[in-house]
Amino acid sequence: MAEDRRKPTTVQLEYARHLMDELGYDPQEYDIENMTRLKLADLIDDLRNELEG
């Protein structure tokens, strides 16, 4: 599916970086800029769950 291969949005990238900072992760280690939108959305969900849990 073409949607799966699309680059993440700026908002997604900024939010993922914010969550990673809150949790003490280094975004550079995850290469989030090269993830697909769906992969980054999954990572954001995981990060939110970790932060809330």
C-alpha atoms as a PDB file:
ATOM      1  CA  MET A   1       0.000   0.000   0.000  1.00  0.00           C
ATOM      2  CA  ALA A   2       1.435   3.384  -1.014  1.00  0.00           C
ATOM      3  CA  GLU A   3       0.320   5.062   2.234  1.00  0.00           C
ATOM      4  CA  ASP A   4       2.555   2.717   4.218  1.00  0.00           C
ATOM      5  CA  ARG A   5       5.687   3.966   2.452  1.00  0.00           C
ATOM      6  CA  ARG A   6       5.045   7.668   2.910  1.00  0.00           C
ATOM      7  CA  LYS A   7       7.418   9.744   4.986  1.00  0.00           C
ATOM      8  CA  PRO A   8       6.273  10.854   8.435  1.00  0.00           C
ATOM      9  CA  THR A   9       4.821  14.327   8.855  1.00  0.00           C
ATOM     10  CA  THR A  10       6.669  17.122  10.621  1.00  0.00           C
ATOM     11  CA  VAL A  11       4.108  16.962  13.428  1.00  0.00           C
ATOM     12  CA  GLN A  12       4.716  13.232  13.887  1.00  0.00           C
ATOM     13  CA  LEU A  13       8.472  13.748  14.004  1.00  0.00           C
ATOM     14  CA  GLU A  14       8.237  16.578  16.523  1.00  0.00           C
ATOM     15  CA  TYR A  15       5.839  14.629  18.753  1.00  0.00           C
ATOM     16  CA  ALA A  16       8.004  11.501  18.635  1.00  0.00           C
ATOM     17  CA  ARG A  17      11.080  13.563  19.577  1.00  0.00           C
ATOM     18  CA  HIS A  18       9.167  15.160  22.451  1.00  0.00           C
ATOM     19  CA  LEU A  19       8.041  11.784  23.813  1.00  0.00           C
ATOM     20  CA  MET A  20      11.541  10.362  23.455  1.00  0.00           C
ATOM     21  CA  ASP A  21      12.999  13.319  25.327  1.00  0.00           C
ATOM     22  CA  GLU A  22      10.458  12.806  28.117  1.00  0.00           C
ATOM     23  CA  LEU A  23      11.450   9.142  28.385  1.00  0.00           C
ATOM     24  CA  GLY A  24      15.196   9.709  28.048  1.00  0.00           C
ATOM     25  CA  TYR A  25      15.616   8.112  24.617  1.00  0.00           C
ATOM     26  CA  ASP A  26      17.876   9.477  21.885  1.00  0.00           C
ATOM     27  CA  PRO A  27      15.853   9.977  18.672  1.00  0.00           C
ATOM     28  CA  GLN A  28      19.068   9.656  16.624  1.00  0.00           C
ATOM     29  CA  GLU A  29      19.346   6.011  17.698  1.00  0.00           C
ATOM     30  CA  TYR A  30      15.950   5.260  16.171  1.00  0.00           C
ATOM     31  CA  ASP A  31      16.397   6.980  12.781  1.00  0.00           C
ATOM     32  CA  ILE A  32      12.803   8.227  12.963  1.00  0.00           C
ATOM     33  CA  GLU A  33      13.191  10.457   9.902  1.00  0.00           C
ATOM     34  CA  ASN A  34      13.481   7.368   7.712  1.00  0.00           C
ATOM     35  CA  MET A  35      10.509   5.490   9.170  1.00  0.00           C
ATOM     36  CA  THR A  36       7.216   5.303   7.340  1.00  0.00           C
ATOM     37  CA  ARG A  37       4.218   7.170   8.708  1.00  0.00           C
ATOM     38  CA  LEU A  38       2.702   3.937   9.960  1.00  0.00           C
ATOM     39  CA  LYS A  39       5.896   2.718  11.631  1.00  0.00           C
ATOM     40  CA  LEU A  40       6.348   6.055  13.374  1.00  0.00           C
ATOM     41  CA  ALA A  41       2.692   6.078  14.437  1.00  0.00           C
ATOM     42  CA  ASP A  42       3.236   2.654  16.026  1.00  0.00           C
ATOM     43  CA  LEU A  43       6.355   3.911  17.791  1.00  0.00           C
ATOM     44  CA  ILE A  44       4.466   6.973  19.062  1.00  0.00           C
ATOM     45  CA  ASP A  45       1.739   4.691  20.434  1.00  0.00           C
ATOM     46  CA  ASP A  46       4.369   2.586  22.212  1.00  0.00           C
ATOM     47  CA  LEU A  47       6.065   5.670  23.632  1.00  0.00           C
ATOM     48  CA  ARG A  48       2.760   7.098  24.871  1.00  0.00           C
ATOM     49  CA  ASN A  49       1.885   3.793  26.523  1.00  0.00           C
ATOM     50  CA  GLU A  50       5.272   3.702  28.234  1.00  0.00           C
ATOM     51  CA  LEU A  51       4.917   7.297  29.421  1.00  0.00           C
ATOM     52  CA  GLU A  52       1.397   6.730  30.736  1.00  0.00           C
ATOM     53  CA  GLY A  53       2.084   3.278  32.171  1.00  0.00           C
END
